[in-house]
Amino acid sequence: MELLNPACPLHGPGIDPSSLVGSRLVQVLGSWHTYDGCPGDGPVEVWLIDDRDRSTNIASGTDWCLRGEFSGPDDGFDMGDWGRIDVLPVPDETPFAAHLGEPVIGIRQEWEPATGRMALELDFPSGSVRCESWSGDLCVLAVDGPTGPTQPVP
């Protein structure tokens, strides 16, 4: 039997991603590590705000898993000599921007037994977005179409 919601040994199972199916994406927030006035290449975390007034946080865990949980966005913070983390609305800076206003119509995830979830792919009517943990960093990628079977939804 295949696990539908694998657990990370450090962070637990997180959200059941199938609960996102049917919700409409209305806003995307992201946090960026800014150092010496220059933002990093991609977001450290993203928050998907849906029409159910729910905020889904997606981030790479310290053990390289892909965390997913229902939680509101952080305020950002100063890290002194290491820069700062800025949290901002990011309608144009992530692949989720193309899907604002669209419902999630399907979901897929990949995991490893030792670390839990490694990737989460959300399908929208006009395309898909893949979130994955790569070497401890969050990677958010636009995908033209689904890359595998959509997880069944009851």
N, C-alpha and C. Protein backbone atom coordinates (compact mmCIF):
# COMPACT_ATOMS: atom_id res chain seq x y z
N MET A 1 0.84 -1.19 0.00
CA MET A 1 0.00 0.00 0.00
C MET A 1 0.88 1.24 0.00
N GLU A 2 0.57 2.21 -0.81
CA GLU A 2 1.35 3.42 -0.94
C GLU A 2 0.87 4.48 0.06
N LEU A 3 1.81 5.12 0.73
CA LEU A 3 1.46 6.20 1.66
C LEU A 3 0.99 7.42 0.88
N LEU A 4 -0.12 8.03 1.29
CA LEU A 4 -0.59 9.24 0.63
C LEU A 4 -0.02 10.49 1.27
N ASN A 5 0.40 10.40 2.52
CA ASN A 5 0.97 11.55 3.21
C ASN A 5 2.17 11.10 4.04
N PRO A 6 3.34 10.98 3.41
CA PRO A 6 4.51 10.46 4.10
C PRO A 6 4.99 11.41 5.19
N ALA A 7 5.59 10.85 6.23
CA ALA A 7 6.06 11.67 7.35
C ALA A 7 7.57 11.87 7.28
N CYS A 8 7.99 13.10 7.51
CA CYS A 8 9.39 13.42 7.68
C CYS A 8 9.74 13.07 9.13
N PRO A 9 10.85 12.38 9.38
CA PRO A 9 11.20 12.04 10.76
C PRO A 9 11.38 13.26 11.65
N LEU A 10 11.82 14.38 11.11
CA LEU A 10 12.07 15.58 11.90
C LEU A 10 10.84 16.49 12.01
N HIS A 11 10.09 16.65 10.92
CA HIS A 11 8.99 17.61 10.88
C HIS A 11 7.59 16.98 10.90
N GLY A 12 7.49 15.68 10.85
CA GLY A 12 6.19 15.02 10.81
C GLY A 12 5.59 15.04 9.41
N PRO A 13 4.31 14.65 9.27
CA PRO A 13 3.72 14.53 7.94
C PRO A 13 3.33 15.85 7.29
N GLY A 14 3.13 16.90 8.06
CA GLY A 14 2.66 18.16 7.47
C GLY A 14 1.23 18.02 6.98
N ILE A 15 0.86 18.84 6.02
CA ILE A 15 -0.52 18.84 5.52
C ILE A 15 -0.78 17.62 4.65
N ASP A 16 -2.03 17.28 4.53
CA ASP A 16 -2.46 16.32 3.52
C ASP A 16 -2.68 17.16 2.26
N PRO A 17 -1.81 17.05 1.26
CA PRO A 17 -1.90 17.94 0.11
C PRO A 17 -3.20 17.81 -0.68
N SER A 18 -3.88 16.68 -0.56
CA SER A 18 -5.15 16.55 -1.30
C SER A 18 -6.19 17.55 -0.79
N SER A 19 -5.98 18.11 0.42
CA SER A 19 -6.91 19.10 0.95
C SER A 19 -6.84 20.42 0.17
N LEU A 20 -5.82 20.60 -0.65
CA LEU A 20 -5.69 21.81 -1.46
C LEU A 20 -6.55 21.76 -2.72
N VAL A 21 -6.91 20.55 -3.14
CA VAL A 21 -7.69 20.39 -4.37
C VAL A 21 -9.05 21.05 -4.20
N GLY A 22 -9.41 21.87 -5.17
CA GLY A 22 -10.68 22.59 -5.15
C GLY A 22 -10.55 24.01 -4.63
N SER A 23 -9.45 24.32 -3.95
CA SER A 23 -9.28 25.69 -3.46
C SER A 23 -8.73 26.56 -4.59
N ARG A 24 -9.08 27.84 -4.55
CA ARG A 24 -8.67 28.80 -5.57
C ARG A 24 -7.53 29.66 -5.02
N LEU A 25 -6.46 29.78 -5.78
CA LEU A 25 -5.30 30.58 -5.37
C LEU A 25 -5.60 32.06 -5.53
N VAL A 26 -5.57 32.83 -4.43
CA VAL A 26 -5.89 34.26 -4.53
C VAL A 26 -4.69 35.17 -4.26
N GLN A 27 -3.65 34.66 -3.59
CA GLN A 27 -2.47 35.48 -3.33
C GLN A 27 -1.28 34.58 -3.06
N VAL A 28 -0.08 35.07 -3.39
CA VAL A 28 1.15 34.34 -3.10
C VAL A 28 2.10 35.31 -2.40
N LEU A 29 2.64 34.87 -1.28
CA LEU A 29 3.67 35.62 -0.56
C LEU A 29 4.94 34.78 -0.57
N GLY A 30 6.07 35.43 -0.50
CA GLY A 30 7.34 34.70 -0.45
C GLY A 30 8.32 35.39 0.46
N SER A 31 9.25 34.62 0.96
CA SER A 31 10.34 35.22 1.73
C SER A 31 11.64 35.01 0.95
N TRP A 32 12.44 36.07 0.93
CA TRP A 32 13.72 36.04 0.25
C TRP A 32 14.83 36.39 1.23
N HIS A 33 15.96 35.71 1.07
CA HIS A 33 17.15 36.07 1.82
C HIS A 33 17.82 37.20 1.05
N THR A 34 17.93 38.35 1.69
CA THR A 34 18.58 39.51 1.08
C THR A 34 19.91 39.73 1.79
N TYR A 35 20.98 39.80 1.01
CA TYR A 35 22.31 40.01 1.57
C TYR A 35 22.98 41.15 0.82
N ASP A 36 23.48 42.11 1.56
CA ASP A 36 24.17 43.24 0.96
C ASP A 36 23.28 43.96 -0.06
N GLY A 37 21.97 44.03 0.22
CA GLY A 37 21.04 44.72 -0.65
C GLY A 37 20.57 43.93 -1.85
N CYS A 38 21.07 42.70 -2.03
CA CYS A 38 20.71 41.89 -3.19
C CYS A 38 19.87 40.69 -2.77
N PRO A 39 18.66 40.54 -3.34
CA PRO A 39 17.84 39.38 -3.00
C PRO A 39 18.41 38.11 -3.63
N GLY A 40 18.12 36.97 -3.00
CA GLY A 40 18.56 35.68 -3.54
C GLY A 40 17.84 35.33 -4.83
N ASP A 41 18.25 34.23 -5.43
CA ASP A 41 17.69 33.81 -6.72
C ASP A 41 16.24 33.36 -6.65
N GLY A 42 15.83 32.82 -5.52
CA GLY A 42 14.46 32.33 -5.41
C GLY A 42 13.96 32.45 -3.99
N PRO A 43 12.71 32.18 -3.80
CA PRO A 43 12.15 32.32 -2.45
C PRO A 43 12.69 31.24 -1.51
N VAL A 44 12.81 31.62 -0.24
CA VAL A 44 13.17 30.67 0.81
C VAL A 44 11.94 29.86 1.18
N GLU A 45 10.79 30.53 1.21
CA GLU A 45 9.50 29.93 1.51
C GLU A 45 8.44 30.61 0.67
N VAL A 46 7.33 29.93 0.43
CA VAL A 46 6.16 30.56 -0.18
C VAL A 46 4.94 30.27 0.68
N TRP A 47 3.98 31.19 0.64
CA TRP A 47 2.69 31.01 1.29
C TRP A 47 1.64 31.17 0.21
N LEU A 48 0.83 30.15 0.04
CA LEU A 48 -0.27 30.17 -0.92
C LEU A 48 -1.54 30.49 -0.15
N ILE A 49 -2.15 31.63 -0.44
CA ILE A 49 -3.37 32.05 0.22
C ILE A 49 -4.52 31.68 -0.71
N ASP A 50 -5.50 30.95 -0.17
CA ASP A 50 -6.60 30.49 -1.02
C ASP A 50 -7.93 31.15 -0.67
N ASP A 51 -8.93 30.83 -1.45
CA ASP A 51 -10.26 31.43 -1.27
C ASP A 51 -10.98 30.90 -0.03
N ARG A 52 -10.37 29.96 0.66
CA ARG A 52 -10.93 29.44 1.92
C ARG A 52 -10.32 30.17 3.11
N ASP A 53 -9.60 31.28 2.80
CA ASP A 53 -8.91 32.08 3.81
C ASP A 53 -7.87 31.25 4.57
N ARG A 54 -7.20 30.38 3.82
CA ARG A 54 -6.21 29.47 4.38
C ARG A 54 -4.86 29.81 3.78
N SER A 55 -3.84 29.76 4.60
CA SER A 55 -2.47 30.03 4.17
C SER A 55 -1.67 28.74 4.27
N THR A 56 -1.15 28.29 3.13
CA THR A 56 -0.35 27.07 3.08
C THR A 56 1.11 27.46 2.88
N ASN A 57 1.95 27.11 3.83
CA ASN A 57 3.37 27.40 3.78
C ASN A 57 4.10 26.22 3.17
N ILE A 58 4.96 26.49 2.18
CA ILE A 58 5.79 25.46 1.56
C ILE A 58 7.23 25.92 1.68
N ALA A 59 8.07 25.06 2.26
CA ALA A 59 9.48 25.40 2.49
C ALA A 59 10.31 24.14 2.52
N SER A 60 11.59 24.29 2.33
CA SER A 60 12.52 23.17 2.45
C SER A 60 12.92 23.04 3.91
N GLY A 61 12.85 21.82 4.44
CA GLY A 61 13.22 21.59 5.84
C GLY A 61 14.72 21.51 6.01
N THR A 62 15.14 21.60 7.25
CA THR A 62 16.58 21.55 7.55
C THR A 62 17.18 20.19 7.22
N ASP A 63 16.36 19.16 7.12
CA ASP A 63 16.85 17.83 6.75
C ASP A 63 16.61 17.54 5.26
N TRP A 64 16.33 18.57 4.48
CA TRP A 64 16.13 18.53 3.04
C TRP A 64 14.77 17.99 2.62
N CYS A 65 13.86 17.78 3.56
CA CYS A 65 12.50 17.39 3.19
C CYS A 65 11.79 18.63 2.65
N LEU A 66 10.61 18.44 2.10
CA LEU A 66 9.77 19.57 1.67
C LEU A 66 8.64 19.68 2.68
N ARG A 67 8.67 20.75 3.45
CA ARG A 67 7.65 20.96 4.48
C ARG A 67 6.41 21.59 3.85
N GLY A 68 5.27 21.20 4.35
CA GLY A 68 4.01 21.81 3.96
C GLY A 68 3.13 21.88 5.19
N GLU A 69 2.66 23.08 5.52
CA GLU A 69 1.82 23.24 6.70
C GLU A 69 0.89 24.42 6.51
N PHE A 70 -0.21 24.40 7.24
CA PHE A 70 -1.11 25.55 7.24
C PHE A 70 -0.59 26.51 8.30
N SER A 71 -0.04 27.63 7.86
CA SER A 71 0.43 28.66 8.80
C SER A 71 0.52 29.99 8.06
N GLY A 72 0.30 31.06 8.82
CA GLY A 72 0.36 32.39 8.24
C GLY A 72 1.79 32.80 7.96
N PRO A 73 1.96 33.80 7.11
CA PRO A 73 3.31 34.26 6.75
C PRO A 73 4.03 34.91 7.93
N ASP A 74 5.33 34.79 7.91
CA ASP A 74 6.19 35.46 8.88
C ASP A 74 6.23 36.95 8.56
N ASP A 75 6.81 37.73 9.48
CA ASP A 75 6.97 39.16 9.27
C ASP A 75 8.28 39.52 8.60
N GLY A 76 9.19 38.58 8.48
CA GLY A 76 10.54 38.89 8.02
C GLY A 76 11.37 39.29 9.22
N PHE A 77 12.68 39.28 9.07
CA PHE A 77 13.54 39.61 10.20
C PHE A 77 14.96 39.91 9.74
N ASP A 78 15.65 40.66 10.56
CA ASP A 78 17.03 41.04 10.32
C ASP A 78 17.95 39.98 10.91
N MET A 79 18.96 39.55 10.16
CA MET A 79 19.91 38.54 10.63
C MET A 79 21.31 39.14 10.84
N GLY A 80 21.38 40.45 11.01
CA GLY A 80 22.67 41.09 11.26
C GLY A 80 23.61 40.96 10.08
N ASP A 81 24.81 40.46 10.33
CA ASP A 81 25.83 40.32 9.28
C ASP A 81 25.44 39.35 8.17
N TRP A 82 24.45 38.52 8.40
CA TRP A 82 24.04 37.52 7.41
C TRP A 82 22.90 38.02 6.53
N GLY A 83 22.52 39.27 6.66
CA GLY A 83 21.47 39.83 5.81
C GLY A 83 20.13 39.87 6.51
N ARG A 84 19.08 39.71 5.73
CA ARG A 84 17.73 39.73 6.31
C ARG A 84 16.82 38.84 5.48
N ILE A 85 15.70 38.50 6.06
CA ILE A 85 14.64 37.77 5.36
C ILE A 85 13.49 38.75 5.17
N ASP A 86 13.10 38.99 3.93
CA ASP A 86 11.99 39.88 3.60
C ASP A 86 10.80 39.05 3.11
N VAL A 87 9.61 39.31 3.63
CA VAL A 87 8.38 38.63 3.22
C VAL A 87 7.52 39.65 2.49
N LEU A 88 7.19 39.33 1.24
CA LEU A 88 6.47 40.27 0.38
C LEU A 88 5.47 39.54 -0.52
N PRO A 89 4.43 40.24 -0.95
CA PRO A 89 3.59 39.66 -2.01
C PRO A 89 4.45 39.50 -3.26
N VAL A 90 4.30 38.39 -3.94
CA VAL A 90 5.16 38.13 -5.10
C VAL A 90 4.36 37.64 -6.31
N PRO A 91 3.44 38.44 -6.79
CA PRO A 91 2.63 37.96 -7.90
C PRO A 91 3.42 37.68 -9.17
N ASP A 92 4.57 38.34 -9.37
CA ASP A 92 5.30 38.14 -10.62
C ASP A 92 6.59 37.35 -10.47
N GLU A 93 7.02 37.06 -9.25
CA GLU A 93 8.33 36.46 -9.07
C GLU A 93 8.33 34.95 -8.85
N THR A 94 7.19 34.29 -8.89
CA THR A 94 7.17 32.83 -8.78
C THR A 94 6.28 32.26 -9.87
N PRO A 95 6.47 31.00 -10.22
CA PRO A 95 5.59 30.37 -11.22
C PRO A 95 4.13 30.33 -10.80
N PHE A 96 3.83 30.52 -9.52
CA PHE A 96 2.44 30.54 -9.09
C PHE A 96 1.68 31.75 -9.65
N ALA A 97 2.39 32.81 -10.05
CA ALA A 97 1.75 34.03 -10.54
C ALA A 97 0.79 33.77 -11.70
N ALA A 98 1.17 32.88 -12.58
CA ALA A 98 0.34 32.58 -13.75
C ALA A 98 -0.98 31.90 -13.37
N HIS A 99 -1.09 31.44 -12.13
CA HIS A 99 -2.27 30.67 -11.73
C HIS A 99 -3.13 31.37 -10.69
N LEU A 100 -2.84 32.66 -10.43
CA LEU A 100 -3.69 33.41 -9.50
C LEU A 100 -5.12 33.41 -10.00
N GLY A 101 -6.06 33.12 -9.14
CA GLY A 101 -7.47 33.06 -9.50
C GLY A 101 -7.93 31.68 -9.97
N GLU A 102 -7.00 30.76 -10.16
CA GLU A 102 -7.35 29.42 -10.64
C GLU A 102 -7.48 28.44 -9.48
N PRO A 103 -8.32 27.41 -9.66
CA PRO A 103 -8.43 26.37 -8.63
C PRO A 103 -7.33 25.31 -8.80
N VAL A 104 -6.96 24.70 -7.70
CA VAL A 104 -6.07 23.54 -7.74
C VAL A 104 -6.93 22.36 -8.18
N ILE A 105 -6.54 21.69 -9.28
CA ILE A 105 -7.36 20.60 -9.80
C ILE A 105 -6.73 19.22 -9.57
N GLY A 106 -5.49 19.20 -9.15
CA GLY A 106 -4.82 17.92 -8.89
C GLY A 106 -3.54 18.14 -8.13
N ILE A 107 -3.02 17.05 -7.59
CA ILE A 107 -1.81 17.14 -6.76
C ILE A 107 -1.01 15.85 -6.91
N ARG A 108 0.31 15.98 -6.89
CA ARG A 108 1.22 14.83 -6.85
C ARG A 108 2.32 15.14 -5.87
N GLN A 109 2.87 14.10 -5.28
CA GLN A 109 4.02 14.31 -4.39
C GLN A 109 4.99 13.15 -4.55
N GLU A 110 6.25 13.44 -4.22
CA GLU A 110 7.29 12.42 -4.22
C GLU A 110 7.94 12.44 -2.85
N TRP A 111 8.39 11.30 -2.39
CA TRP A 111 9.04 11.24 -1.09
C TRP A 111 10.06 10.12 -1.04
N GLU A 112 10.92 10.22 -0.06
CA GLU A 112 11.93 9.21 0.25
C GLU A 112 11.63 8.70 1.66
N PRO A 113 11.78 7.41 1.89
CA PRO A 113 11.48 6.87 3.22
C PRO A 113 12.27 7.53 4.35
N ALA A 114 13.52 7.89 4.10
CA ALA A 114 14.36 8.45 5.17
C ALA A 114 14.07 9.92 5.47
N THR A 115 13.57 10.67 4.47
CA THR A 115 13.39 12.11 4.68
C THR A 115 11.96 12.61 4.50
N GLY A 116 11.06 11.79 4.01
CA GLY A 116 9.69 12.25 3.80
C GLY A 116 9.52 12.91 2.45
N ARG A 117 8.58 13.86 2.37
CA ARG A 117 8.23 14.52 1.11
C ARG A 117 9.44 15.25 0.54
N MET A 118 9.66 15.07 -0.76
CA MET A 118 10.75 15.75 -1.46
C MET A 118 10.23 16.70 -2.54
N ALA A 119 9.01 16.44 -3.03
CA ALA A 119 8.44 17.28 -4.07
C ALA A 119 6.92 17.27 -3.98
N LEU A 120 6.34 18.38 -4.38
CA LEU A 120 4.88 18.54 -4.39
C LEU A 120 4.55 19.30 -5.67
N GLU A 121 3.66 18.74 -6.46
CA GLU A 121 3.28 19.38 -7.71
C GLU A 121 1.79 19.68 -7.68
N LEU A 122 1.44 20.92 -7.95
CA LEU A 122 0.05 21.36 -7.95
C LEU A 122 -0.38 21.63 -9.38
N ASP A 123 -1.51 21.05 -9.77
CA ASP A 123 -2.05 21.25 -11.12
C ASP A 123 -3.14 22.30 -11.09
N PHE A 124 -3.08 23.21 -12.05
CA PHE A 124 -4.09 24.24 -12.27
C PHE A 124 -4.62 24.04 -13.69
N PRO A 125 -5.75 24.62 -14.05
CA PRO A 125 -6.27 24.44 -15.42
C PRO A 125 -5.27 24.85 -16.50
N SER A 126 -4.41 25.85 -16.24
CA SER A 126 -3.50 26.33 -17.28
C SER A 126 -2.07 25.80 -17.15
N GLY A 127 -1.81 24.88 -16.23
CA GLY A 127 -0.46 24.34 -16.08
C GLY A 127 -0.21 23.87 -14.66
N SER A 128 1.02 23.53 -14.38
CA SER A 128 1.37 22.99 -13.07
C SER A 128 2.57 23.73 -12.50
N VAL A 129 2.70 23.67 -11.17
CA VAL A 129 3.85 24.23 -10.47
C VAL A 129 4.43 23.13 -9.59
N ARG A 130 5.72 22.94 -9.69
CA ARG A 130 6.41 21.92 -8.91
C ARG A 130 7.28 22.61 -7.86
N CYS A 131 7.09 22.20 -6.60
CA CYS A 131 7.92 22.66 -5.49
C CYS A 131 8.75 21.47 -5.05
N GLU A 132 10.05 21.68 -4.92
CA GLU A 132 10.89 20.57 -4.48
C GLU A 132 12.02 21.07 -3.60
N SER A 133 12.51 20.17 -2.79
CA SER A 133 13.66 20.45 -1.95
C SER A 133 14.87 19.92 -2.68
N TRP A 134 15.83 20.81 -2.92
CA TRP A 134 17.04 20.41 -3.65
C TRP A 134 18.22 20.91 -2.85
N SER A 135 18.97 20.01 -2.27
CA SER A 135 20.14 20.35 -1.45
C SER A 135 19.77 21.31 -0.33
N GLY A 136 18.56 21.16 0.21
CA GLY A 136 18.12 22.00 1.31
C GLY A 136 17.52 23.33 0.90
N ASP A 137 17.43 23.61 -0.39
CA ASP A 137 16.83 24.84 -0.89
C ASP A 137 15.47 24.54 -1.52
N LEU A 138 14.57 25.51 -1.43
CA LEU A 138 13.28 25.39 -2.08
C LEU A 138 13.43 25.77 -3.55
N CYS A 139 12.98 24.91 -4.43
CA CYS A 139 12.94 25.20 -5.87
C CYS A 139 11.49 25.20 -6.30
N VAL A 140 11.05 26.28 -6.95
CA VAL A 140 9.68 26.40 -7.43
C VAL A 140 9.76 26.54 -8.94
N LEU A 141 9.18 25.58 -9.66
CA LEU A 141 9.35 25.50 -11.11
C LEU A 141 8.00 25.42 -11.82
N ALA A 142 7.87 26.14 -12.93
CA ALA A 142 6.69 26.02 -13.79
C ALA A 142 6.82 24.72 -14.59
N VAL A 143 5.71 24.02 -14.73
CA VAL A 143 5.67 22.78 -15.49
C VAL A 143 4.54 22.91 -16.50
N ASP A 144 4.81 22.56 -17.77
CA ASP A 144 3.80 22.71 -18.81
C ASP A 144 2.57 21.86 -18.56
N GLY A 145 2.77 20.66 -18.08
CA GLY A 145 1.64 19.77 -17.81
C GLY A 145 2.02 18.79 -16.73
N PRO A 146 1.08 18.01 -16.27
CA PRO A 146 1.38 17.05 -15.21
C PRO A 146 2.52 16.11 -15.59
N THR A 147 3.35 15.77 -14.60
CA THR A 147 4.48 14.87 -14.86
C THR A 147 4.20 13.46 -14.37
N GLY A 148 3.04 13.22 -13.85
CA GLY A 148 2.70 11.88 -13.35
C GLY A 148 1.24 11.84 -13.01
N PRO A 149 0.80 10.68 -12.51
CA PRO A 149 -0.62 10.57 -12.18
C PRO A 149 -1.01 11.50 -11.03
N THR A 150 -2.19 12.06 -11.15
CA THR A 150 -2.73 12.92 -10.11
C THR A 150 -3.23 12.05 -8.97
N GLN A 151 -2.95 12.47 -7.75
CA GLN A 151 -3.40 11.72 -6.59
C GLN A 151 -4.93 11.72 -6.57
N PRO A 152 -5.52 10.54 -6.34
CA PRO A 152 -6.99 10.49 -6.31
C PRO A 152 -7.56 11.37 -5.22
N VAL A 153 -8.67 11.99 -5.51
CA VAL A 153 -9.35 12.84 -4.54
C VAL A 153 -10.70 12.20 -4.24
N PRO A 154 -11.03 12.03 -2.95
CA PRO A 154 -12.31 11.38 -2.61
C PRO A 154 -13.50 12.18 -3.09
